[in-house]
């Protein structure tokens, strides 16, 4: 298909890479990652094939929630650098052709934010209505408490004014009143400020919490934000964290209009993926792919193995969740909030390179935009000695000595043993043709060369073996078939491939080799334990489509 289509909607076949500036690279030797360090490592991301960097919060903060408790939306945390350092990073990323998006955390502020200090100074404060207050709130449903290990309510008494303020998350994160037009205008100014400095969009934190409780149609607010961004930059995006069942989630795309969140994370598919990995049986994932509705035109799904947060399993049944716990997190300190895991994938899979390569092959072949969490490309481990979700937010490992910082105190944050920097680092894996880094780099290349995977119509196929997930993606004369064996045994794959025109050959995109396609479309081949194949079928020398754009 023509590159002009894919260039117009860059996010549909982007490779998004999420990182925390604080844990990525220390550029000034104080033991804390910063923008200068990140900028010096931009070529690693360029070589990997990343097209969009997603920055976790980098704003001034008391840092009681890893930067999600913000005291100033218009600046950079002094520990991480200055606005000048940020601009230099943006310029360097742009030079490498990499877009940048950042976390938009406007559901709440820190209780140390000047807005909240002013709001709680008096019931008559001009900022009072910027937050949500009640004299005597109703009893709270325990299910509404996001962090049950830390909080027992979503209301906190402010003793000076005698009213309770709402906090959907921690008590030191009072919720903003997005019903207030002044707050909405301020949020738009925040977006506009960072877009002027070069951001191509925002990952919207906890979208349902942001709009729940709004008067009228709460989705009008999302549509207003998107319209504001489109006026400033028509190629900008909103990437939404919306962990809801598919029917409820579709509203956040704007139903059929596609005028709200540009992309939504597929939490259902992610959780079914881990269930399938635990069972060594892909049928749970296949079921979610068949259930997943098509987003509106110009909208898209974002796919991921895990993110910076807990690996939530909340949409599985209790029995299914226990299966995943038993397989990947049997000890209590590996679990969090009773609903998820605070682990990275390599230790979950006992470091099995076959299963790791399978997992990322699945990620890059699924319909959607793949999102990597920093360190996934090298098999970074975890530090279960850290508190809560911080277990997965450890320093990046650049060399055998760590390479994150010259400050030796930072090295204690890295995991020991098989996942320590002496065993897992960028420097060594760049030289090893069989490394995970080289595998992920190849997957990125093949994914970017295969627009069918991101843009095409997809169909889950009958593979003739319950251990095998097979699906095909078709777009304008091109077809890619991805086949994955989830089991620790050899599988016999039997596919029936119809409507491939005059194609007589299936070319493997991951390994040398090809398969003949007989006239009846029946293809049979073996697949090694945890094996994977991407097969391209295309009519040779097919002409480009006409110059008129098509609806997708």
Protein backbone atom coordinates (compact mmCIF):
# COMPACT_ATOMS: atom_id res chain seq x y z
CA UNK A 1 0.00 0.00 0.00
CA UNK A 2 1.12 3.57 -0.64
CA UNK A 3 3.33 5.24 1.94
CA UNK A 4 1.32 8.43 1.66
CA UNK A 5 -1.56 6.69 3.44
CA UNK A 6 0.63 5.55 6.32
CA UNK A 7 2.41 8.90 6.59
CA UNK A 8 -0.87 10.76 7.02
CA UNK A 9 -1.84 8.61 10.00
CA UNK A 10 1.60 8.02 11.47
CA UNK A 11 0.28 6.45 14.68
CA UNK A 12 -1.29 3.48 12.91
CA UNK A 13 2.02 1.77 12.30
CA UNK A 14 4.18 3.57 14.84
CA UNK A 15 6.49 1.86 17.32
CA UNK A 16 5.92 3.54 20.69
CA UNK A 17 8.55 3.32 23.44
CA UNK A 18 7.59 4.31 27.00
CA UNK A 19 10.35 5.48 29.34
CA UNK A 20 10.87 7.26 32.64
CA UNK A 21 13.52 9.97 32.30
CA UNK A 22 14.50 9.41 35.93
CA UNK A 23 15.50 5.76 35.36
CA UNK A 24 16.81 5.88 31.79
CA UNK A 25 20.23 7.57 31.81
CA UNK A 26 22.05 9.90 34.21
CA UNK A 27 23.76 12.66 32.26
CA UNK A 28 25.32 14.70 35.07
CA UNK A 29 26.53 12.07 37.53
CA UNK A 30 24.14 12.73 40.40
CA UNK A 31 22.57 9.26 40.32
CA UNK A 32 19.28 10.42 38.78
CA UNK A 33 18.32 10.05 35.13
CA UNK A 34 17.78 13.30 33.26
CA UNK A 35 17.06 14.78 29.84
CA UNK A 36 20.75 15.23 29.08
CA UNK A 37 21.34 11.52 29.61
CA UNK A 38 18.27 10.55 27.62
CA UNK A 39 19.36 12.76 24.73
CA UNK A 40 22.76 11.05 24.64
CA UNK A 41 21.02 7.67 24.24
CA UNK A 42 18.62 8.69 21.49
CA UNK A 43 20.58 6.73 18.89
CA UNK A 44 19.81 3.49 20.73
CA UNK A 45 16.12 4.17 20.11
CA UNK A 46 16.82 5.20 16.52
CA UNK A 47 18.70 1.93 15.86
CA UNK A 48 15.89 -0.04 17.49
CA UNK A 49 13.42 1.56 15.08
CA UNK A 50 11.34 3.50 17.60
CA UNK A 51 9.19 6.14 15.90
CA UNK A 52 7.52 7.65 18.98
CA UNK A 53 8.83 8.14 22.54
CA UNK A 54 6.26 8.27 25.34
CA UNK A 55 7.62 10.17 28.33
CA UNK A 56 6.30 9.32 31.77
CA UNK A 57 5.75 12.42 33.98
CA UNK A 58 8.77 14.72 34.12
CA UNK A 59 7.15 17.69 35.86
CA UNK A 60 8.03 19.17 39.29
CA UNK A 61 6.75 16.83 41.98
CA UNK A 62 7.19 15.81 45.64
CA UNK A 63 7.64 12.35 44.06
CA UNK A 64 5.34 10.46 46.38
CA UNK A 65 3.79 8.64 43.38
CA UNK A 66 6.73 8.43 40.96
CA UNK A 67 5.97 11.83 39.45
CA UNK A 68 2.21 11.42 39.03
CA UNK A 69 1.70 13.91 41.88
CA UNK A 70 2.42 17.14 40.02
CA UNK A 71 3.03 20.62 41.46
CA UNK A 72 3.60 22.51 38.18
CA UNK A 73 2.28 21.49 34.76
CA UNK A 74 4.42 24.05 32.94
CA UNK A 75 7.94 23.07 33.91
CA UNK A 76 10.49 20.27 34.29
CA UNK A 77 11.44 18.62 37.58
CA UNK A 78 14.79 20.27 38.46
CA UNK A 79 16.25 16.81 39.19
CA UNK A 80 15.66 15.89 35.53
CA UNK A 81 16.93 19.11 33.96
CA UNK A 82 15.54 22.37 32.65
CA UNK A 83 13.13 23.44 29.94
CA UNK A 84 16.25 24.11 27.88
CA UNK A 85 17.34 20.49 28.31
CA UNK A 86 13.85 19.37 27.30
CA UNK A 87 13.96 21.48 24.13
CA UNK A 88 17.39 20.07 23.24
CA UNK A 89 16.02 16.55 23.65
CA UNK A 90 13.03 17.39 21.44
CA UNK A 91 15.29 18.86 18.77
CA UNK A 92 17.51 15.76 18.79
CA UNK A 93 14.53 13.39 18.62
CA UNK A 94 13.10 15.35 15.71
CA UNK A 95 16.47 15.16 13.95
CA UNK A 96 16.23 11.35 14.16
CA UNK A 97 12.64 11.39 12.90
CA UNK A 98 11.21 10.35 16.29
CA UNK A 99 8.01 11.91 17.58
CA UNK A 100 7.42 12.47 21.30
CA UNK A 101 4.28 12.25 23.41
CA UNK A 102 4.01 12.71 27.17
CA UNK A 103 1.76 11.71 30.03
CA UNK A 104 -1.23 14.01 30.52
CA UNK A 105 -2.06 13.69 34.22
CA UNK A 106 -4.89 16.16 34.79
CA UNK A 107 -7.27 14.01 36.77
CA UNK A 108 -5.57 15.35 39.89
CA UNK A 109 -2.69 17.44 41.24
CA UNK A 110 -0.36 17.05 44.18
CA UNK A 111 -1.74 18.41 47.45
CA UNK A 112 1.35 20.63 47.36
CA UNK A 113 0.31 22.26 44.08
CA UNK A 114 -0.25 26.04 44.48
CA UNK A 115 -3.77 25.60 43.13
CA UNK A 116 -4.72 23.22 45.93
CA UNK A 117 -2.94 25.25 48.60
CA UNK A 118 -5.02 28.21 47.55
CA UNK A 119 -8.19 26.11 47.29
CA UNK A 120 -7.86 24.77 50.83
CA UNK A 121 -6.98 28.15 52.33
CA UNK A 122 -10.65 29.13 52.62
CA UNK A 123 -14.10 28.05 51.47
CA UNK A 124 -14.23 31.42 49.72
CA UNK A 125 -10.99 30.89 47.80
CA UNK A 126 -11.05 31.71 44.09
CA UNK A 127 -9.59 28.24 43.45
CA UNK A 128 -12.02 26.44 45.77
CA UNK A 129 -14.17 25.13 42.92
CA UNK A 130 -11.11 23.86 41.06
CA UNK A 131 -11.40 20.76 43.26
CA UNK A 132 -14.30 18.57 44.45
CA UNK A 133 -15.58 19.11 47.99
CA UNK A 134 -18.37 17.67 50.13
CA UNK A 135 -19.54 18.28 53.68
CA UNK A 136 -20.54 14.70 54.40
CA UNK A 137 -19.78 12.24 51.58
CA UNK A 138 -21.68 8.99 51.26
CA UNK A 139 -20.03 5.72 52.30
CA UNK A 140 -17.59 4.46 49.69
CA UNK A 141 -17.94 1.19 47.81
CA UNK A 142 -14.67 -0.67 48.48
CA UNK A 143 -14.48 -1.50 44.75
CA UNK A 144 -14.08 2.23 44.04
CA UNK A 145 -10.78 2.35 45.93
CA UNK A 146 -7.97 2.04 43.39
CA UNK A 147 -5.18 1.36 45.90
CA UNK A 148 -6.78 -0.79 48.61
CA UNK A 149 -3.40 -1.50 50.21
CA UNK A 150 -2.87 2.20 50.94
CA UNK A 151 -6.29 3.86 51.12
CA UNK A 152 -9.61 3.04 52.76
CA UNK A 153 -11.64 5.87 51.20
CA UNK A 154 -11.68 8.29 48.28
CA UNK A 155 -12.53 11.24 50.53
CA UNK A 156 -10.14 13.04 52.86
CA UNK A 157 -11.07 15.58 55.53
CA UNK A 158 -9.45 18.99 55.25
CA UNK A 159 -9.50 20.04 58.88
CA UNK A 160 -9.00 23.76 58.27
CA UNK A 161 -12.14 24.18 56.17
CA UNK A 162 -14.12 21.25 57.58
CA UNK A 163 -14.93 19.71 54.19
CA UNK A 164 -13.82 16.52 52.49
CA UNK A 165 -12.00 16.58 49.15
CA UNK A 166 -12.22 13.83 46.54
CA UNK A 167 -9.12 11.80 45.65
CA UNK A 168 -9.72 8.94 43.24
CA UNK A 169 -6.16 7.74 43.88
CA UNK A 170 -3.92 8.61 46.85
CA UNK A 171 -5.02 11.11 49.49
CA UNK A 172 -2.17 13.42 48.51
CA UNK A 173 -3.63 13.64 44.96
CA UNK A 174 -6.83 15.73 45.15
CA UNK A 175 -9.06 15.42 42.06
CA UNK A 176 -9.48 18.44 39.83
CA UNK A 177 -13.05 19.53 39.13
CA UNK A 178 -13.15 19.14 35.36
CA UNK A 179 -16.76 20.35 35.39
CA UNK A 180 -15.38 23.83 36.06
CA UNK A 181 -14.89 25.76 32.78
CA UNK A 182 -11.82 27.47 34.25
CA UNK A 183 -10.21 24.07 34.86
CA UNK A 184 -11.01 22.94 31.33
CA UNK A 185 -9.45 26.10 29.90
CA UNK A 186 -6.34 25.53 32.01
CA UNK A 187 -6.04 21.95 30.78
CA UNK A 188 -6.21 23.19 27.18
CA UNK A 189 -3.47 25.72 27.95
CA UNK A 190 -1.29 22.92 29.33
CA UNK A 191 -1.74 20.92 26.12
CA UNK A 192 -1.07 23.98 23.99
CA UNK A 193 2.09 24.86 25.93
CA UNK A 194 3.76 21.49 25.43
CA UNK A 195 2.59 21.17 21.82
CA UNK A 196 4.32 24.48 21.11
CA UNK A 197 7.50 22.85 22.42
CA UNK A 198 7.11 20.02 19.96
CA UNK A 199 4.99 17.24 21.52
CA UNK A 200 2.92 15.22 19.03
CA UNK A 201 0.31 14.28 21.60
CA UNK A 202 -0.37 12.87 25.02
CA UNK A 203 -1.01 9.59 26.76
CA UNK A 204 -4.08 10.39 28.86
CA UNK A 205 -3.82 8.90 32.34
CA UNK A 206 -6.88 7.11 33.77
CA UNK A 207 -9.37 8.53 31.25
CA UNK A 208 -12.56 7.19 32.90
CA UNK A 209 -11.58 8.85 36.18
CA UNK A 210 -10.95 12.10 34.34
CA UNK A 211 -14.47 12.41 32.96
CA UNK A 212 -16.65 10.45 35.39
CA UNK A 213 -19.04 12.60 37.36
CA UNK A 214 -19.11 15.38 34.78
CA UNK A 215 -22.44 17.02 34.16
CA UNK A 216 -24.14 16.58 30.78
CA UNK A 217 -22.29 14.40 28.30
CA UNK A 218 -18.86 13.72 29.83
CA UNK A 219 -17.48 12.72 26.44
CA UNK A 220 -17.94 16.26 25.16
CA UNK A 221 -14.85 17.20 27.18
CA UNK A 222 -12.71 14.63 25.35
CA UNK A 223 -14.10 15.80 22.02
CA UNK A 224 -13.30 19.41 22.95
CA UNK A 225 -9.70 18.48 23.85
CA UNK A 226 -9.26 16.59 20.60
CA UNK A 227 -10.71 19.48 18.59
CA UNK A 228 -8.36 21.92 20.35
CA UNK A 229 -5.37 19.73 19.52
CA UNK A 230 -6.46 19.30 15.90
CA UNK A 231 -6.60 23.08 15.51
CA UNK A 232 -3.04 23.36 16.79
CA UNK A 233 -1.66 20.29 14.99
CA UNK A 234 -3.84 17.98 12.91
CA UNK A 235 -1.39 15.09 13.30
CA UNK A 236 -1.42 15.14 17.11
CA UNK A 237 -2.90 12.24 19.09
CA UNK A 238 -4.48 11.25 22.38
CA UNK A 239 -3.49 7.76 23.57
CA UNK A 240 -6.02 6.69 26.19
CA UNK A 241 -5.62 4.49 29.25
CA UNK A 242 -9.14 3.04 29.26
CA UNK A 243 -9.34 -0.32 31.02
CA UNK A 244 -12.98 -1.16 30.30
CA UNK A 245 -14.89 -3.92 28.50
CA UNK A 246 -14.97 -3.38 24.75
CA UNK A 247 -18.59 -2.11 24.51
CA UNK A 248 -17.95 0.56 27.16
CA UNK A 249 -14.54 1.47 25.77
CA UNK A 250 -15.83 2.27 22.28
CA UNK A 251 -17.44 5.45 23.62
CA UNK A 252 -13.96 6.83 24.28
CA UNK A 253 -13.14 6.65 20.58
CA UNK A 254 -16.18 8.83 20.01
CA UNK A 255 -18.34 5.86 19.01
CA UNK A 256 -18.41 5.96 15.21
CA UNK A 257 -17.05 9.49 14.91
CA UNK A 258 -13.45 8.95 16.02
CA UNK A 259 -13.34 12.47 17.44
CA UNK A 260 -12.18 11.73 20.99
CA UNK A 261 -9.27 9.46 21.98
CA UNK A 262 -7.16 8.59 18.92
CA UNK A 263 -5.88 5.26 20.27
CA UNK A 264 -6.91 3.10 23.23
CA UNK A 265 -4.83 0.43 24.92
CA UNK A 266 -6.23 -3.07 24.44
CA UNK A 267 -6.23 -4.16 28.09
CA UNK A 268 -8.57 -7.07 27.36
CA UNK A 269 -6.23 -8.50 24.73
CA UNK A 270 -3.18 -7.99 26.98
CA UNK A 271 -4.77 -9.91 29.85
CA UNK A 272 -5.94 -12.71 27.57
CA UNK A 273 -2.42 -12.86 26.12
CA UNK A 274 -0.94 -13.57 29.54
CA UNK A 275 -3.63 -16.15 30.24
CA UNK A 276 -2.75 -17.81 26.93
CA UNK A 277 0.95 -17.76 27.79
CA UNK A 278 0.20 -19.32 31.18
CA UNK A 279 -1.90 -22.06 29.60
CA UNK A 280 0.40 -22.51 26.61
CA UNK A 281 -2.82 -22.33 24.65
CA UNK A 282 -3.68 -19.26 22.54
CA UNK A 283 -7.44 -19.72 22.43
CA UNK A 284 -8.16 -17.07 25.09
CA UNK A 285 -6.23 -14.49 23.06
CA UNK A 286 -7.87 -15.63 19.82
CA UNK A 287 -11.27 -15.17 21.45
CA UNK A 288 -10.47 -11.57 22.42
CA UNK A 289 -9.27 -10.82 18.88
CA UNK A 290 -12.54 -12.10 17.49
CA UNK A 291 -14.51 -10.08 20.06
CA UNK A 292 -12.57 -6.85 19.65
CA UNK A 293 -14.61 -4.30 17.68
CA UNK A 294 -13.14 -2.26 14.86
CA UNK A 295 -12.31 1.29 15.97
CA UNK A 296 -13.58 4.22 13.91
CA UNK A 297 -11.68 5.23 10.78
CA UNK A 298 -8.41 6.97 11.66
CA UNK A 299 -8.52 5.57 15.21
CA UNK A 300 -6.55 2.56 16.40
CA UNK A 301 -5.79 0.05 19.13
CA UNK A 302 -2.50 0.12 21.07
CA UNK A 303 -1.12 -3.30 21.97
CA UNK A 304 1.39 -4.10 24.69
CA UNK A 305 2.89 -6.93 26.72
CA UNK A 306 3.09 -4.86 29.88
CA UNK A 307 3.29 -1.18 30.78
CA UNK A 308 4.87 0.96 33.48
CA UNK A 309 2.07 0.16 35.92
CA UNK A 310 0.90 -3.05 37.50
CA UNK A 311 0.32 -5.88 35.06
CA UNK A 312 -3.40 -5.80 35.78
CA UNK A 313 -5.50 -8.95 35.40
CA UNK A 314 -8.73 -7.39 36.63
CA UNK A 315 -10.80 -8.35 33.56
CA UNK A 316 -10.10 -12.06 33.98
CA UNK A 317 -12.31 -14.27 36.13
CA UNK A 318 -11.03 -15.17 39.59
CA UNK A 319 -10.11 -18.64 38.38
CA UNK A 320 -8.33 -17.31 35.27
CA UNK A 321 -6.43 -14.75 37.33
CA UNK A 322 -5.29 -17.49 39.68
CA UNK A 323 -3.99 -19.48 36.71
CA UNK A 324 -1.77 -16.55 35.73
CA UNK A 325 -0.68 -16.04 39.35
CA UNK A 326 0.22 -19.72 39.66
CA UNK A 327 2.25 -19.65 36.44
CA UNK A 328 3.96 -16.27 36.69
CA UNK A 329 3.62 -14.86 40.20
CA UNK A 330 2.95 -17.56 42.79
CA UNK A 331 4.46 -15.61 45.70
CA UNK A 332 2.47 -12.86 47.38
CA UNK A 333 5.20 -10.27 46.98
CA UNK A 334 5.01 -10.79 43.20
CA UNK A 335 1.35 -9.72 43.23
CA UNK A 336 -0.17 -6.31 43.81
CA UNK A 337 -3.63 -5.10 44.85
CA UNK A 338 -4.89 -8.68 44.60
CA UNK A 339 -5.52 -8.18 40.89
CA UNK A 340 -2.18 -7.94 39.13
CA UNK A 341 1.55 -8.64 38.99
CA UNK A 342 4.48 -6.37 39.68
CA UNK A 343 6.84 -8.35 37.50
CA UNK A 344 8.56 -8.02 34.14
CA UNK A 345 8.19 -10.71 31.52
CA UNK A 346 11.70 -12.30 31.50
CA UNK A 347 11.60 -13.48 35.15
CA UNK A 348 7.97 -14.52 34.66
CA UNK A 349 9.14 -16.84 31.87
CA UNK A 350 12.24 -17.98 33.78
CA UNK A 351 14.39 -16.28 31.17
CA UNK A 352 13.41 -18.74 28.42
CA UNK A 353 14.60 -16.98 25.23
CA UNK A 354 12.22 -19.00 23.06
CA UNK A 355 9.16 -17.80 24.96
CA UNK A 356 10.44 -14.21 25.13
CA UNK A 357 10.95 -14.13 21.38
CA UNK A 358 7.51 -15.67 20.89
CA UNK A 359 5.89 -13.01 23.10
CA UNK A 360 7.33 -10.08 21.17
CA UNK A 361 6.65 -11.70 17.83
CA UNK A 362 3.00 -11.93 18.88
CA UNK A 363 3.04 -8.28 19.99
CA UNK A 364 4.38 -6.94 16.70
CA UNK A 365 2.14 -9.09 14.54
CA UNK A 366 -1.15 -8.34 16.31
CA UNK A 367 -3.42 -5.75 14.70
CA UNK A 368 -2.65 -2.48 16.46
CA UNK A 369 0.22 -0.17 17.34
CA UNK A 370 2.86 -1.91 19.51
CA UNK A 371 3.99 -0.16 22.69
CA UNK A 372 7.25 -1.19 24.38
CA UNK A 373 8.17 -0.42 27.97
CA UNK A 374 11.81 0.60 28.28
CA UNK A 375 14.17 -2.32 28.79
CA UNK A 376 11.84 -4.86 27.20
CA UNK A 377 14.11 -4.93 24.16
CA UNK A 378 16.95 -6.41 26.24
CA UNK A 379 14.93 -8.52 28.71
CA UNK A 380 15.35 -6.18 31.69
CA UNK A 381 14.38 -7.83 34.98
CA UNK A 382 12.72 -6.54 38.13
CA UNK A 383 13.55 -5.58 41.70
CA UNK A 384 10.95 -7.13 44.00
CA UNK A 385 12.70 -5.43 46.92
CA UNK A 386 11.26 -2.11 45.72
CA UNK A 387 7.84 -0.99 46.89
CA UNK A 388 4.74 -1.80 44.88
CA UNK A 389 4.80 -0.93 41.22
CA UNK A 390 8.32 0.47 41.49
CA UNK A 391 9.55 -3.11 41.13
CA UNK A 392 9.48 -2.76 37.32
CA UNK A 393 10.71 0.85 37.16
CA UNK A 394 14.39 0.10 37.63
CA UNK A 395 17.43 1.77 36.02
CA UNK A 396 18.11 0.91 32.40
CA UNK A 397 21.14 -1.34 31.94
CA UNK A 398 23.51 -0.06 29.26
CA UNK A 399 26.70 -2.00 30.02
CA UNK A 400 28.09 -4.75 32.24
CA UNK A 401 28.80 -2.20 34.95
CA UNK A 402 25.25 -0.87 34.67
CA UNK A 403 26.01 2.20 32.64
CA UNK A 404 23.04 4.11 33.99
CA UNK A 405 25.12 6.42 36.16
CA UNK A 406 28.68 6.84 37.41
CA UNK A 407 27.20 7.13 40.89
CA UNK A 408 27.71 3.65 42.43
CA UNK A 409 24.72 4.05 44.77
CA UNK A 410 22.33 3.64 41.85
CA UNK A 411 23.57 0.14 41.09
CA UNK A 412 21.80 -1.34 44.11
CA UNK A 413 18.48 -0.68 42.40
CA UNK A 414 19.32 -3.11 39.62
CA UNK A 415 18.36 -6.76 40.04
CA UNK A 416 21.07 -9.27 40.83
CA UNK A 417 21.85 -12.63 39.28
CA UNK A 418 20.56 -13.63 35.87
CA UNK A 419 18.98 -10.22 35.21
CA UNK A 420 21.73 -8.00 36.58
CA UNK A 421 23.72 -5.74 34.26
CA UNK A 422 26.57 -8.21 33.91
CA UNK A 423 24.15 -10.60 32.20
CA UNK A 424 21.60 -8.22 30.64
CA UNK A 425 22.73 -5.02 28.96
CA UNK A 426 22.54 -3.12 25.68
CA UNK A 427 26.27 -3.16 24.94
CA UNK A 428 26.62 -6.96 24.87
CA UNK A 429 23.34 -7.61 23.05
CA UNK A 430 24.19 -5.25 20.22
CA UNK A 431 27.11 -7.59 19.39
CA UNK A 432 25.17 -10.84 19.79
CA UNK A 433 23.20 -11.87 16.67
CA UNK A 434 21.05 -14.20 18.77
CA UNK A 435 20.18 -11.63 21.45
CA UNK A 436 16.71 -10.42 22.33
CA UNK A 437 17.72 -6.91 21.28
CA UNK A 438 18.60 -8.07 17.78
CA UNK A 439 15.35 -10.08 17.60
CA UNK A 440 13.18 -7.13 18.66
CA UNK A 441 15.05 -4.85 16.24
CA UNK A 442 14.26 -7.26 13.41
CA UNK A 443 10.62 -7.48 14.45
CA UNK A 444 10.39 -3.69 14.37
CA UNK A 445 11.89 -3.65 10.88
CA UNK A 446 9.54 -6.34 9.57
CA UNK A 447 6.53 -4.70 11.22
CA UNK A 448 7.36 -1.35 9.62
CA UNK A 449 7.80 -3.11 6.26
CA UNK A 450 4.39 -4.79 6.63
CA UNK A 451 1.67 -2.13 6.70
CA UNK A 452 -0.92 -4.91 6.40
CA UNK A 453 -0.34 -5.74 10.07
CA UNK A 454 -1.32 -2.27 11.22
CA UNK A 455 -3.75 -1.19 8.52
CA UNK A 456 -5.27 -4.37 7.16
CA UNK A 457 -8.41 -6.31 7.84
CA UNK A 458 -7.50 -9.18 10.12
CA UNK A 459 -8.93 -12.64 10.60
CA UNK A 460 -8.10 -15.36 13.12
CA UNK A 461 -7.54 -18.61 11.22
CA UNK A 462 -8.05 -22.25 12.09
CA UNK A 463 -4.48 -23.56 12.43
CA UNK A 464 -5.32 -27.26 12.87
CA UNK A 465 -3.58 -27.38 16.28
CA UNK A 466 -4.94 -25.95 19.53
CA UNK A 467 -1.47 -24.71 20.51
CA UNK A 468 -1.16 -22.44 17.47
CA UNK A 469 -2.44 -18.92 16.96
CA UNK A 470 -2.70 -18.03 13.28
CA UNK A 471 -4.09 -14.82 11.88
CA UNK A 472 -3.91 -12.98 8.59
CA UNK A 473 -3.96 -9.30 7.72
CA UNK A 474 -4.98 -8.08 4.25
CA UNK A 475 -4.52 -4.62 2.78
CA UNK A 476 -4.72 -3.58 -0.88
CA UNK A 477 -3.18 -6.57 -2.56
CA UNK A 478 -0.87 -7.58 0.25
CA UNK A 479 -1.35 -10.31 2.86
CA UNK A 480 0.70 -11.29 5.88
CA UNK A 481 -0.04 -14.46 7.86
CA UNK A 482 1.44 -14.74 11.37
CA UNK A 483 1.69 -18.16 13.01
CA UNK A 484 2.74 -18.76 16.64
CA UNK A 485 3.15 -21.97 18.62
CA UNK A 486 2.40 -21.29 22.29
CA UNK A 487 3.34 -24.80 23.47
CA UNK A 488 6.57 -26.52 24.47
CA UNK A 489 6.11 -29.15 21.79
CA UNK A 490 6.28 -29.26 18.04
CA UNK A 491 3.05 -28.31 16.32
CA UNK A 492 1.66 -29.34 12.95
CA UNK A 493 0.10 -26.33 11.24
CA UNK A 494 -2.59 -26.75 8.61
CA UNK A 495 -3.89 -23.58 7.00
CA UNK A 496 -6.44 -22.99 4.26
CA UNK A 497 -5.65 -19.67 2.57
CA UNK A 498 -8.24 -18.32 0.14
CA UNK A 499 -8.46 -15.24 -2.06
CA UNK A 500 -4.74 -14.72 -2.61
CA UNK A 501 -5.03 -14.11 -6.34
CA UNK A 502 -2.20 -15.58 -8.37
CA UNK A 503 0.16 -15.97 -5.43
CA UNK A 504 2.14 -19.22 -5.54
CA UNK A 505 4.66 -18.58 -2.77
CA UNK A 506 4.62 -17.60 0.89
CA UNK A 507 7.86 -15.85 1.85
CA UNK A 508 8.99 -16.03 5.48
CA UNK A 509 9.81 -12.57 6.82
CA UNK A 510 11.65 -13.74 9.95
CA UNK A 511 13.86 -16.56 8.65
CA UNK A 512 15.20 -17.57 5.28
CA UNK A 513 12.81 -19.81 3.43
CA UNK A 514 9.49 -19.94 1.71
CA UNK A 515 6.49 -22.21 1.29
CA UNK A 516 4.73 -23.13 -1.92
CA UNK A 517 1.05 -22.26 -2.03
CA UNK A 518 -0.86 -24.96 -3.95
CA UNK A 519 -3.94 -24.04 -6.01
CA UNK A 520 -6.33 -25.26 -3.29
CA UNK A 521 -4.72 -22.91 -0.75
CA UNK A 522 -3.89 -25.69 1.73
CA UNK A 523 -0.54 -25.25 3.46
CA UNK A 524 0.97 -27.69 5.96
CA UNK A 525 4.21 -27.27 7.88
CA UNK A 526 5.79 -27.99 11.25
CA UNK A 527 6.48 -25.40 13.90
CA UNK A 528 9.07 -25.94 16.63
CA UNK A 529 8.22 -25.41 20.32
CA UNK A 530 7.39 -21.71 20.82
CA UNK A 531 8.11 -21.21 17.14
CA UNK A 532 6.90 -18.31 15.05
CA UNK A 533 6.62 -17.51 11.35
CA UNK A 534 5.46 -14.42 9.45
CA UNK A 535 4.54 -15.32 5.89
CA UNK A 536 3.98 -12.77 3.13
CA UNK A 537 1.73 -13.53 0.19
CA UNK A 538 1.57 -10.89 -2.50
CA UNK A 539 1.00 -10.76 -6.21
CA UNK A 540 4.34 -9.68 -7.71
CA UNK A 541 4.60 -6.28 -9.38
CA UNK A 542 1.10 -5.25 -8.33
CA UNK A 543 0.45 -1.61 -9.41
CA UNK A 544 -0.05 1.12 -6.87
CA UNK A 545 -3.60 2.07 -6.02
CA UNK A 546 -5.03 5.14 -7.68
CA UNK A 547 -4.08 8.46 -6.16
CA UNK A 548 -7.44 8.89 -4.47
CA UNK A 549 -7.35 8.07 -0.75
CA UNK A 550 -9.49 5.22 0.50
CA UNK A 551 -11.44 4.83 3.70
CA UNK A 552 -9.83 2.40 6.15
